[in-house]
PDB file of N, CA and C in Angstrom:
ATOM      1  N   MET A   1      -7.787   0.514  -5.220  1.00  0.00           N
ATOM      2  CA  MET A   1      -6.720   0.220  -4.520  1.00  0.00           C
ATOM      3  C   MET A   1      -6.877  -1.486  -5.058  1.00  0.00           C
ATOM      4  N   TRP A   2      -8.144  -1.916  -4.983  1.00  0.00           N
ATOM      5  CA  TRP A   2      -8.346  -3.204  -5.409  1.00  0.00           C
ATOM      6  C   TRP A   2      -7.778  -3.848  -6.604  1.00  0.00           C
ATOM      7  N   LEU A   3      -7.706  -2.812  -7.641  1.00  0.00           N
ATOM      8  CA  LEU A   3      -7.354  -3.084  -8.876  1.00  0.00           C
ATOM      9  C   LEU A   3      -5.601  -3.637  -8.917  1.00  0.00           C
ATOM     10  N   VAL A   4      -4.836  -2.600  -8.044  1.00  0.00           N
ATOM     11  CA  VAL A   4      -3.702  -2.546  -8.077  1.00  0.00           C
ATOM     12  C   VAL A   4      -3.140  -4.198  -7.265  1.00  0.00           C
ATOM     13  N   ILE A   5      -3.815  -4.763  -6.236  1.00  0.00           N
ATOM     14  CA  ILE A   5      -3.710  -5.731  -5.584  1.00  0.00           C
ATOM     15  C   ILE A   5      -3.930  -6.942  -6.449  1.00  0.00           C
ATOM     16  N   GLU A   6      -5.226  -6.739  -7.227  1.00  0.00           N
ATOM     17  CA  GLU A   6      -5.031  -7.962  -8.372  1.00  0.00           C
ATOM     18  C   GLU A   6      -4.013  -7.939  -9.307  1.00  0.00           C
ATOM     19  N   GLU A   7      -3.900  -6.844  -9.764  1.00  0.00           N
ATOM     20  CA  GLU A   7      -2.629  -6.943 -10.750  1.00  0.00           C
ATOM     21  C   GLU A   7      -1.274  -7.377  -9.888  1.00  0.00           C
ATOM     22  N   ALA A   8      -1.114  -7.031  -8.511  1.00  0.00           N
ATOM     23  CA  ALA A   8       0.174  -7.685  -7.791  1.00  0.00           C
ATOM     24  C   ALA A   8      -0.099  -9.229  -7.700  1.00  0.00           C
ATOM     25  N   ASN A   9      -1.155  -9.427  -7.578  1.00  0.00           N
ATOM     26  CA  ASN A   9      -1.525 -11.122  -7.291  1.00  0.00           C
ATOM     27  C   ASN A   9      -1.130 -11.877  -8.697  1.00  0.00           C
ATOM     28  N   GLY A  10      -1.386 -11.366  -9.608  1.00  0.00           N
ATOM     29  CA  GLY A  10      -0.927 -11.808 -11.050  1.00  0.00           C
ATOM     30  C   GLY A  10       0.354 -11.811 -11.152  1.00  0.00           C
ATOM     31  N   ARG A  11       0.998 -11.009 -11.063  1.00  0.00           N
ATOM     32  CA  ARG A  11       2.501 -10.786 -10.856  1.00  0.00           C
ATOM     33  C   ARG A  11       3.294 -11.590 -10.178  1.00  0.00           C
ATOM     34  N   LEU A  12       2.860 -11.441  -8.997  1.00  0.00           N
ATOM     35  CA  LEU A  12       3.868 -12.578  -7.759  1.00  0.00           C
ATOM     36  C   LEU A  12       3.374 -14.071  -8.275  1.00  0.00           C
ATOM     37  N   PHE A  13       2.733 -14.751  -9.505  1.00  0.00           N
ATOM     38  CA  PHE A  13       2.714 -15.902  -9.386  1.00  0.00           C
ATOM     39  C   PHE A  13       3.829 -16.122 -10.108  1.00  0.00           C
ATOM     40  N   ASP A  14       4.828 -15.209 -11.044  1.00  0.00           N
ATOM     41  CA  ASP A  14       5.995 -15.553 -11.450  1.00  0.00           C
ATOM     42  C   ASP A  14       7.308 -15.195 -11.053  1.00  0.00           C
ATOM     43  N   ALA A  15       7.797 -16.173 -10.553  1.00  0.00           N
ATOM     44  CA  ALA A  15       8.547 -15.942  -9.326  1.00  0.00           C
ATOM     45  C   ALA A  15       9.756 -15.426  -9.980  1.00  0.00           C
ATOM     46  N   ASN A  16      10.076 -15.005 -11.181  1.00  0.00           N
ATOM     47  CA  ASN A  16      11.181 -14.791 -11.906  1.00  0.00           C
ATOM     48  C   ASN A  16      10.875 -12.944 -11.257  1.00  0.00           C
ATOM     49  N   ASN A  17       9.663 -12.469 -11.413  1.00  0.00           N
ATOM     50  CA  ASN A  17       9.356 -11.094 -10.763  1.00  0.00           C
ATOM     51  C   ASN A  17       9.799 -10.946  -9.206  1.00  0.00           C
ATOM     52  N   ALA A  18      10.734  -9.832  -9.169  1.00  0.00           N
ATOM     53  CA  ALA A  18      11.262  -9.605  -7.666  1.00  0.00           C
ATOM     54  C   ALA A  18      10.226  -8.877  -7.041  1.00  0.00           C
ATOM     55  N   ILE A  19       9.740  -8.924  -6.014  1.00  0.00           N
ATOM     56  CA  ILE A  19       8.786  -8.028  -5.203  1.00  0.00           C
ATOM     57  C   ILE A  19       9.236  -6.574  -5.266  1.00  0.00           C
ATOM     58  N   ASN A  20      10.525  -6.233  -5.218  1.00  0.00           N
ATOM     59  CA  ASN A  20      10.757  -4.994  -4.954  1.00  0.00           C
ATOM     60  C   ASN A  20      10.403  -4.147  -6.695  1.00  0.00           C
ATOM     61  N   ASP A  21      10.383  -5.210  -7.727  1.00  0.00           N
ATOM     62  CA  ASP A  21      10.368  -4.489  -9.368  1.00  0.00           C
ATOM     63  C   ASP A  21       8.722  -4.703  -9.460  1.00  0.00           C
ATOM     64  N   ILE A  22       7.969  -5.377  -8.900  1.00  0.00           N
ATOM     65  CA  ILE A  22       6.749  -5.429  -8.897  1.00  0.00           C
ATOM     66  C   ILE A  22       6.091  -4.044  -8.415  1.00  0.00           C
ATOM     67  N   SER A  23       6.423  -3.995  -6.958  1.00  0.00           N
ATOM     68  CA  SER A  23       6.116  -2.897  -6.487  1.00  0.00           C
ATOM     69  C   SER A  23       6.591  -1.341  -7.148  1.00  0.00           C
ATOM     70  N   LEU A  24       7.720  -1.256  -8.001  1.00  0.00           N
ATOM     71  CA  LEU A  24       7.801  -0.063  -8.859  1.00  0.00           C
ATOM     72  C   LEU A  24       7.183  -0.335  -9.546  1.00  0.00           C
ATOM     73  N   GLN A  25       6.856  -1.349 -10.531  1.00  0.00           N
ATOM     74  CA  GLN A  25       5.852  -1.125 -11.673  1.00  0.00           C
ATOM     75  C   GLN A  25       4.473  -0.878 -11.406  1.00  0.00           C
ATOM     76  N   LEU A  26       4.278  -1.088 -10.132  1.00  0.00           N
ATOM     77  CA  LEU A  26       2.866  -0.662  -9.808  1.00  0.00           C
ATOM     78  C   LEU A  26       2.951   0.771  -8.936  1.00  0.00           C
ATOM     79  N   GLY A  27       4.049   1.446  -9.337  1.00  0.00           N
ATOM     80  CA  GLY A  27       4.001   2.871  -9.094  1.00  0.00           C
ATOM     81  C   GLY A  27       4.285   3.091  -7.656  1.00  0.00           C
ATOM     82  N   PHE A  28       4.502   2.084  -6.779  1.00  0.00           N
ATOM     83  CA  PHE A  28       5.183   2.695  -5.606  1.00  0.00           C
ATOM     84  C   PHE A  28       6.744   2.806  -5.487  1.00  0.00           C
ATOM     85  N   LYS A  29       6.859   3.886  -4.482  1.00  0.00           N
ATOM     86  CA  LYS A  29       8.366   4.210  -4.571  1.00  0.00           C
ATOM     87  C   LYS A  29       9.494   3.620  -4.030  1.00  0.00           C
ATOM     88  N   TYR A  30       8.399   3.101  -2.693  1.00  0.00           N
ATOM     89  CA  TYR A  30       9.218   2.297  -1.559  1.00  0.00           C
ATOM     90  C   TYR A  30       8.287   0.911  -1.816  1.00  0.00           C
ATOM     91  N   GLN A  31       9.059   0.135  -1.683  1.00  0.00           N
ATOM     92  CA  GLN A  31       8.625  -1.604  -1.527  1.00  0.00           C
ATOM     93  C   GLN A  31       7.846  -1.923  -0.232  1.00  0.00           C
ATOM     94  N   GLN A  32       8.476  -1.078   1.187  1.00  0.00           N
ATOM     95  CA  GLN A  32       7.713  -1.427   2.154  1.00  0.00           C
ATOM     96  C   GLN A  32       6.224  -0.709   1.958  1.00  0.00           C
ATOM     97  N   HIS A  33       5.840   0.489   1.429  1.00  0.00           N
ATOM     98  CA  HIS A  33       4.478   1.018   1.172  1.00  0.00           C
ATOM     99  C   HIS A  33       3.863  -0.119   0.347  1.00  0.00           C
ATOM    100  N   PHE A  34       4.296  -0.946  -0.736  1.00  0.00           N
ATOM    101  CA  PHE A  34       3.544  -1.798  -1.177  1.00  0.00           C
ATOM    102  C   PHE A  34       3.375  -2.881  -0.302  1.00  0.00           C
ATOM    103  N   THR A  35       4.123  -3.335   0.425  1.00  0.00           N
ATOM    104  CA  THR A  35       3.828  -4.614   1.325  1.00  0.00           C
ATOM    105  C   THR A  35       2.631  -4.313   2.156  1.00  0.00           C
ATOM    106  N   ARG A  36       2.881  -3.154   2.977  1.00  0.00           N
ATOM    107  CA  ARG A  36       2.252  -2.930   3.895  1.00  0.00           C
ATOM    108  C   ARG A  36       0.321  -2.520   3.377  1.00  0.00           C
ATOM    109  N   LEU A  37       0.175  -2.220   2.079  1.00  0.00           N
ATOM    110  CA  LEU A  37      -0.843  -2.167   1.518  1.00  0.00           C
ATOM    111  C   LEU A  37      -1.282  -3.491   1.065  1.00  0.00           C
ATOM    112  N   PHE A  38      -0.344  -4.254   0.459  1.00  0.00           N
ATOM    113  CA  PHE A  38      -0.623  -5.514   0.348  1.00  0.00           C
ATOM    114  C   PHE A  38      -1.312  -6.385   1.658  1.00  0.00           C
ATOM    115  N   LYS A  39      -0.499  -6.165   2.482  1.00  0.00           N
ATOM    116  CA  LYS A  39      -0.664  -6.929   3.836  1.00  0.00           C
ATOM    117  C   LYS A  39      -2.341  -6.535   4.636  1.00  0.00           C
ATOM    118  N   GLN A  40      -2.554  -5.111   4.355  1.00  0.00           N
ATOM    119  CA  GLN A  40      -3.594  -4.543   4.765  1.00  0.00           C
ATOM    120  C   GLN A  40      -5.027  -5.070   4.271  1.00  0.00           C
ATOM    121  N   LYS A  41      -4.953  -5.381   2.742  1.00  0.00           N
ATOM    122  CA  LYS A  41      -5.777  -5.907   1.590  1.00  0.00           C
ATOM    123  C   LYS A  41      -5.848  -7.229   1.908  1.00  0.00           C
ATOM    124  N   THR A  42      -4.984  -8.138   2.213  1.00  0.00           N
ATOM    125  CA  THR A  42      -5.101  -9.449   1.888  1.00  0.00           C
ATOM    126  C   THR A  42      -4.844 -10.137   3.185  1.00  0.00           C
ATOM    127  N   GLY A  43      -4.182  -9.615   4.058  1.00  0.00           N
ATOM    128  CA  GLY A  43      -4.054 -10.428   5.279  1.00  0.00           C
ATOM    129  C   GLY A  43      -2.515 -11.253   5.385  1.00  0.00           C
ATOM    130  N   ILE A  44      -1.791 -10.882   4.208  1.00  0.00           N
ATOM    131  CA  ILE A  44      -0.771 -11.660   4.471  1.00  0.00           C
ATOM    132  C   ILE A  44       0.113 -10.623   3.233  1.00  0.00           C
ATOM    133  N   LYS A  45       1.388 -11.003   3.723  1.00  0.00           N
ATOM    134  CA  LYS A  45       2.445 -10.143   2.979  1.00  0.00           C
ATOM    135  C   LYS A  45       2.731 -10.763   1.456  1.00  0.00           C
ATOM    136  N   PRO A  46       3.226  -9.949   0.677  1.00  0.00           N
ATOM    137  CA  PRO A  46       3.285 -10.373  -0.521  1.00  0.00           C
ATOM    138  C   PRO A  46       4.372 -11.888  -1.184  1.00  0.00           C
ATOM    139  N   ASN A  47       5.699 -12.016  -0.297  1.00  0.00           N
ATOM    140  CA  ASN A  47       6.107 -12.640  -0.257  1.00  0.00           C
ATOM    141  C   ASN A  47       5.359 -14.406   0.362  1.00  0.00           C
ATOM    142  N   GLU A  48       4.688 -14.172   1.532  1.00  0.00           N
ATOM    143  CA  GLU A  48       3.659 -15.254   1.880  1.00  0.00           C
ATOM    144  C   GLU A  48       2.765 -15.833   0.942  1.00  0.00           C
ATOM    145  N   PHE A  49       2.012 -14.770  -0.139  1.00  0.00           N
ATOM    146  CA  PHE A  49       1.229 -14.984  -1.018  1.00  0.00           C
ATOM    147  C   PHE A  49       1.775 -15.991  -1.924  1.00  0.00           C
ATOM    148  N   ARG A  50       3.032 -15.583  -2.476  1.00  0.00           N
ATOM    149  CA  ARG A  50       4.105 -16.247  -3.397  1.00  0.00           C
ATOM    150  C   ARG A  50       4.253 -17.796  -3.044  1.00  0.00           C
ATOM    151  N   ASN A  51       4.687 -17.868  -1.432  1.00  0.00           N
ATOM    152  CA  ASN A  51       4.776 -19.042  -1.468  1.00  0.00           C
ATOM    153  C   ASN A  51       3.698 -19.988  -1.248  1.00  0.00           C
ATOM    154  N   LEU A  52       2.288 -19.304  -1.122  1.00  0.00           N
ATOM    155  CA  LEU A  52       1.275 -20.324  -0.907  1.00  0.00           C
ATOM    156  C   LEU A  52       0.876 -20.567  -2.243  1.00  0.00           C
ATOM    157  N   ASN A  53       1.377 -19.853  -3.186  1.00  0.00           N
ATOM    158  CA  ASN A  53       0.728 -20.138  -4.615  1.00  0.00           C
ATOM    159  C   ASN A  53       1.817 -20.760  -5.322  1.00  0.00           C
TER     160      ASN A  53
END
């Protein structure tokens, strides 16, 4: 699962990529599942991660 998070981190740097699109590209059917997993593994939500970087 860490590989998915690493890939998501790279894609989140590009503000043109919507979080919903990133979650679909990574194989998640629902954005909520991606957001939940991302927060479990990193401690922050994807949009918070994007805002920090």
